[in-house]
Each structure stands twice: as structure tokens, then as C-alpha cells.
Amino acid sequence: FFEGAFEAAQLGLDYADFSLRVREADLASLVRILEAVSAERLASLQRGVLRVRDYFVWKDVYNPDGADRRSLLSAGRPGHDGFLLLVAALEDRALRLLRKRPFQRLNLTSFIP
């Protein structure tokens, strides 16, 4: 689901900006693959992770530890978190579905026994 979420949220981010793709068949060669990453590419990936890290944390949700919650909320960009990304992606999906099939009001009386 989150694979296309950055595009749907129009954040201008792509997984390739902060991650490496490794096919399951290549997992046996993972160490070799990682060692082959240049220092320049690694630095670029690290910068990418700093741009997206907020979207992988649910900062503003119920957290019984007040200090932990305050710490999460003060980190990164205010208001940017996994919930924002999820809502933006769901909104995009809903709008695309509405364009395919216009909204039709339900006849609720048919559901009443």
C-alpha cells in the first residue's frame, strides 16, 4: 500500500531516493550488493532517509508515555508523520475511484428490515 503513497500524496519522493531494491533471489549475495554501493550513493540514500523518516513514524497517536510522545512530536517536521501519508494516499485513491465511478446516493430504505 505505501509503495505508491508518496506519489499519491504528491510529496515528490520515491523509494529509490532512500532505499535499495534487492530481489529475493539475490538475498544470498546481500553483503556483496551492499558493499558495492558507492560512498556517494550511500550519502545520497542517507539524505533521502532524512527527508522521509517522518512518514514512517506515527507521532501524534495515543501514547501512554507522555515524554515519549512529546519527543516524537518535537522530532522532524511538525505535522508530518505516517498518519498524514496514509490519509493523503487514501484521499488520492478515493478521488481516483470517484472519477471512475461517479458517486451514487444509496437507497438506505432497502437496508431497513
Foldseek 3Di string as FASTA:
>chain_A
DCQCLCVLLVVPAHCQQADDDDDPVCPVCVVVVVVPQDPVSNVRNVVNCLVCVQLAADQPDDDPDPVSSVVNCVPDDHPRHVVSSVVSNVVSVVVVVCVVPPDDDDPCVVVDD
